[in-house]
Amino acid sequence: MVSLTESQKDAIRDAIRDAESRTSGELVAVLARASDGYHYIPVLWAALLALIAPALILLAVDVFGLWYTPSLTGTYLVQVLVFLAGVAIFGYSPLKMMLIPKTVKRMRASRLAHEQFHYQGLGDTERGTGVLLFVSFAERYVEIVADRKIHERVEEGAWDHIVADFVGDVARGRVSEGFLKAIDACGQLLGQHFPHHDGDVDELPNHLIEI
């Protein structure tokens, strides 16, 4: 699982400060280890395996000529053991993440990103110029969420190359580098539409928020 050093976290904090010195926008960086526990996934796959276990045993008996006399008690015991083993095996995080449909992972991660946007106060800034840079590492998911005033001036496509580069860095495990490049790019983009003014107040924290 991703773990950033203190020096990497300090670099992200300094990058946010530098970006905000060029714009009246407010940037917040959030790193989630995962957007959901997905605890139901091991249970579902283990239950499926337990259900088909008797059929697999009977198939093996037929194909390989194994001696086995099915009984209700024996079949139930096999299913229980298979279920328990399945929960343990499918609970292994890398395997569990492989079993989750991509659409489900994206949906959960996007939901958490928008929850964090509001939870971190980005929807309540004085100028309506809050921007969240969100990473959910387990899902290799990146999203940049911008407030209403930014959407009025900055076209949606303007964020595409920033997100694409960010996704590439996260996919390669270069989370810190991804944040630094995305923060700098956001600072430049926001500076064009929302330049820094004397008297701008730094309303939100600059350090990396880990959840």
Protein backbone atom coordinates (compact mmCIF):
# COMPACT_ATOMS: atom_id res chain seq x y z
CA MET A 1 0.00 0.00 0.00
CA VAL A 2 1.18 3.53 -0.72
CA SER A 3 3.15 5.33 1.99
CA LEU A 4 4.68 8.75 1.48
CA THR A 5 7.73 9.96 3.38
CA GLU A 6 7.69 13.12 5.45
CA SER A 7 9.88 14.85 2.90
CA GLN A 8 7.41 13.96 0.13
CA LYS A 9 4.54 15.31 2.21
CA ASP A 10 6.50 18.49 2.88
CA ALA A 11 7.13 18.87 -0.87
CA ILE A 12 3.38 18.57 -1.57
CA ARG A 13 2.60 21.19 1.09
CA ASP A 14 5.19 23.56 -0.37
CA ALA A 15 3.85 22.96 -3.90
CA ILE A 16 0.34 23.93 -2.77
CA ARG A 17 1.64 27.09 -1.13
CA ASP A 18 3.56 27.99 -4.29
CA ALA A 19 0.53 27.33 -6.52
CA GLU A 20 -1.75 29.39 -4.30
CA SER A 21 0.72 32.29 -4.44
CA ARG A 22 -0.21 32.56 -8.14
CA THR A 23 -3.97 32.25 -7.85
CA SER A 24 -6.91 33.10 -5.63
CA GLY A 25 -7.98 29.48 -5.93
CA GLU A 26 -7.80 27.11 -2.95
CA LEU A 27 -6.12 23.74 -3.53
CA VAL A 28 -6.52 20.73 -1.25
CA ALA A 29 -4.80 17.36 -1.78
CA VAL A 30 -6.40 14.19 -0.41
CA LEU A 31 -4.91 10.69 -0.56
CA ALA A 32 -7.14 7.72 0.30
CA ARG A 33 -5.66 4.26 0.69
CA ALA A 34 -8.95 2.85 -0.60
CA SER A 35 -12.41 4.25 -1.22
CA ASP A 36 -14.21 1.28 0.33
CA GLY A 37 -13.43 -1.82 2.35
CA TYR A 38 -15.32 -3.96 -0.19
CA HIS A 39 -15.92 -6.46 2.61
CA TYR A 40 -18.75 -8.10 0.70
CA ILE A 41 -16.51 -9.16 -2.18
CA PRO A 42 -14.71 -12.05 -0.38
CA VAL A 43 -18.05 -13.23 1.02
CA LEU A 44 -19.75 -13.24 -2.38
CA TRP A 45 -16.95 -15.14 -4.11
CA ALA A 46 -16.56 -17.58 -1.23
CA ALA A 47 -20.32 -18.24 -1.20
CA LEU A 48 -20.29 -18.86 -4.95
CA LEU A 49 -17.40 -21.30 -4.62
CA ALA A 50 -19.12 -23.09 -1.73
CA LEU A 51 -22.31 -23.46 -3.76
CA ILE A 52 -20.56 -25.12 -6.69
CA ALA A 53 -18.19 -27.20 -4.53
CA PRO A 54 -20.49 -30.30 -4.42
CA ALA A 55 -20.84 -30.27 -8.21
CA LEU A 56 -17.06 -30.02 -8.60
CA ILE A 57 -16.55 -32.95 -6.23
CA LEU A 58 -19.05 -35.12 -8.11
CA LEU A 59 -17.39 -34.17 -11.39
CA ALA A 60 -14.00 -35.18 -10.00
CA VAL A 61 -15.45 -38.50 -8.81
CA ASP A 62 -16.87 -39.16 -12.26
CA VAL A 63 -13.79 -38.11 -14.21
CA PHE A 64 -11.05 -39.58 -12.03
CA GLY A 65 -13.02 -42.49 -10.61
CA LEU A 66 -12.46 -41.38 -7.01
CA TRP A 67 -14.27 -43.27 -4.29
CA TYR A 68 -16.73 -40.98 -2.57
CA THR A 69 -20.22 -41.53 -1.20
CA PRO A 70 -22.10 -38.22 -1.01
CA SER A 71 -24.00 -37.50 2.19
CA LEU A 72 -25.92 -34.48 3.39
CA THR A 73 -23.66 -33.96 6.40
CA GLY A 74 -20.46 -34.45 4.41
CA THR A 75 -21.58 -32.11 1.66
CA TYR A 76 -22.53 -29.42 4.18
CA LEU A 77 -19.17 -29.73 5.94
CA VAL A 78 -17.31 -29.40 2.63
CA GLN A 79 -19.28 -26.29 1.76
CA VAL A 80 -18.57 -24.69 5.14
CA LEU A 81 -14.84 -25.39 4.85
CA VAL A 82 -14.73 -24.11 1.27
CA PHE A 83 -16.59 -20.96 2.29
CA LEU A 84 -14.23 -20.21 5.18
CA ALA A 85 -11.17 -20.85 3.04
CA GLY A 86 -12.61 -18.69 0.27
CA VAL A 87 -13.22 -15.76 2.60
CA ALA A 88 -9.60 -15.91 3.75
CA ILE A 89 -8.16 -16.26 0.25
CA PHE A 90 -10.37 -13.68 -1.46
CA GLY A 91 -9.82 -11.31 1.45
CA TYR A 92 -6.21 -10.87 0.33
CA SER A 93 -6.27 -7.24 -0.75
CA PRO A 94 -4.53 -7.45 -4.18
CA LEU A 95 -6.70 -10.42 -5.19
CA LYS A 96 -9.83 -8.78 -3.82
CA MET A 97 -9.21 -5.63 -5.86
CA MET A 98 -8.77 -7.73 -9.01
CA LEU A 99 -12.19 -9.29 -8.48
CA ILE A 100 -14.04 -5.99 -8.21
CA PRO A 101 -15.52 -4.67 -11.48
CA LYS A 102 -13.80 -1.50 -12.69
CA THR A 103 -17.11 0.37 -12.83
CA VAL A 104 -17.76 -0.40 -9.16
CA LYS A 105 -14.30 0.83 -8.14
CA ARG A 106 -14.69 4.03 -10.14
CA MET A 107 -18.14 4.67 -8.70
CA ARG A 108 -17.01 4.21 -5.10
CA ALA A 109 -13.87 6.32 -5.60
CA SER A 110 -15.74 9.14 -7.33
CA ARG A 111 -18.34 9.18 -4.59
CA LEU A 112 -15.64 9.51 -1.94
CA ALA A 113 -13.93 12.29 -3.93
CA HIS A 114 -17.12 14.38 -3.97
CA GLU A 115 -17.76 13.64 -0.30
CA GLN A 116 -14.26 14.87 0.52
CA PHE A 117 -14.77 17.99 -1.58
CA HIS A 118 -17.55 19.07 0.75
CA TYR A 119 -16.09 17.58 3.94
CA GLN A 120 -12.84 19.53 3.48
CA GLY A 121 -14.77 22.78 3.01
CA LEU A 122 -13.94 23.29 -0.66
CA GLY A 123 -17.55 24.13 -1.48
CA ASP A 124 -17.61 26.93 1.10
CA THR A 125 -14.66 29.13 0.09
CA GLU A 126 -15.26 32.88 -0.09
CA ARG A 127 -14.69 33.14 -3.85
CA GLY A 128 -16.08 29.72 -4.80
CA THR A 129 -12.70 28.68 -6.21
CA GLY A 130 -11.91 25.48 -4.34
CA VAL A 131 -10.17 22.61 -6.14
CA LEU A 132 -9.71 19.10 -4.79
CA LEU A 133 -6.92 16.86 -6.05
CA PHE A 134 -8.05 13.38 -5.02
CA VAL A 135 -6.27 10.04 -5.26
CA SER A 136 -7.61 6.68 -4.15
CA PHE A 137 -4.60 4.41 -4.42
CA ALA A 138 -6.20 0.96 -4.20
CA GLU A 139 -8.41 1.79 -7.18
CA ARG A 140 -5.64 3.71 -8.99
CA TYR A 141 -8.22 6.47 -9.28
CA VAL A 142 -7.64 10.19 -9.73
CA GLU A 143 -10.19 12.98 -9.85
CA ILE A 144 -9.95 16.76 -9.77
CA VAL A 145 -13.13 18.35 -8.41
CA ALA A 146 -13.59 22.10 -8.91
CA ASP A 147 -16.12 24.49 -7.43
CA ARG A 148 -18.88 26.39 -9.25
CA LYS A 149 -16.97 29.60 -10.07
CA ILE A 150 -14.17 27.64 -11.68
CA HIS A 151 -16.60 25.72 -13.88
CA GLU A 152 -18.01 29.03 -15.11
CA ARG A 153 -14.63 30.10 -16.55
CA VAL A 154 -12.55 26.96 -17.10
CA GLU A 155 -13.69 24.47 -19.72
CA GLU A 156 -13.96 20.83 -18.63
CA GLY A 157 -11.44 19.73 -21.24
CA ALA A 158 -8.79 21.96 -19.70
CA TRP A 159 -8.34 19.44 -16.90
CA ASP A 160 -8.04 16.37 -19.13
CA HIS A 161 -4.29 16.37 -19.72
CA ILE A 162 -3.63 17.14 -16.03
CA VAL A 163 -5.76 14.18 -14.95
CA ALA A 164 -4.28 11.90 -17.62
CA ASP A 165 -0.71 12.61 -16.48
CA PHE A 166 -1.77 12.26 -12.84
CA VAL A 167 -3.41 8.87 -13.51
CA GLY A 168 -0.27 7.65 -15.27
CA ASP A 169 1.94 8.58 -12.32
CA VAL A 170 -0.40 6.95 -9.78
CA ALA A 171 -0.64 3.78 -11.89
CA ARG A 172 3.17 3.53 -11.75
CA GLY A 173 3.17 4.10 -8.00
CA ARG A 174 4.60 7.63 -8.37
CA VAL A 175 1.96 9.23 -6.16
CA SER A 176 4.10 12.05 -4.77
CA GLU A 177 5.38 13.02 -8.22
CA GLY A 178 1.84 12.90 -9.57
CA PHE A 179 0.60 15.29 -6.90
CA LEU A 180 3.49 17.71 -7.45
CA LYS A 181 2.98 17.91 -11.22
CA ALA A 182 -0.80 18.17 -10.94
CA ILE A 183 -0.62 20.88 -8.28
CA ASP A 184 1.77 22.93 -10.40
CA ALA A 185 -0.40 22.48 -13.51
CA CYS A 186 -3.55 23.46 -11.59
CA GLY A 187 -1.78 26.52 -10.22
CA GLN A 188 -0.85 27.64 -13.73
CA LEU A 189 -4.34 27.01 -15.10
CA LEU A 190 -6.11 28.75 -12.24
CA GLY A 191 -3.67 31.64 -12.37
CA GLN A 192 -4.86 32.43 -15.89
CA HIS A 193 -8.49 32.75 -14.82
CA PHE A 194 -8.20 33.57 -11.11
CA PRO A 195 -4.96 35.49 -10.49
CA HIS A 196 -3.75 36.09 -6.97
CA HIS A 197 -4.83 39.36 -5.34
CA ASP A 198 -3.42 41.21 -2.37
CA GLY A 199 -5.46 40.35 0.65
CA ASP A 200 -6.34 36.82 -0.48
CA VAL A 201 -6.70 34.65 2.59
CA ASP A 202 -5.45 31.07 2.73
CA GLU A 203 -8.68 29.49 3.94
CA LEU A 204 -7.87 25.78 3.84
CA PRO A 205 -4.97 23.54 4.95
CA ASN A 206 -2.05 23.04 2.57
CA HIS A 207 -0.74 19.75 3.94
CA LEU A 208 -1.60 16.42 2.33
CA ILE A 209 -4.72 14.94 3.90
CA GLU A 210 -4.57 11.15 4.25
CA ILE A 211 -7.70 9.11 4.90
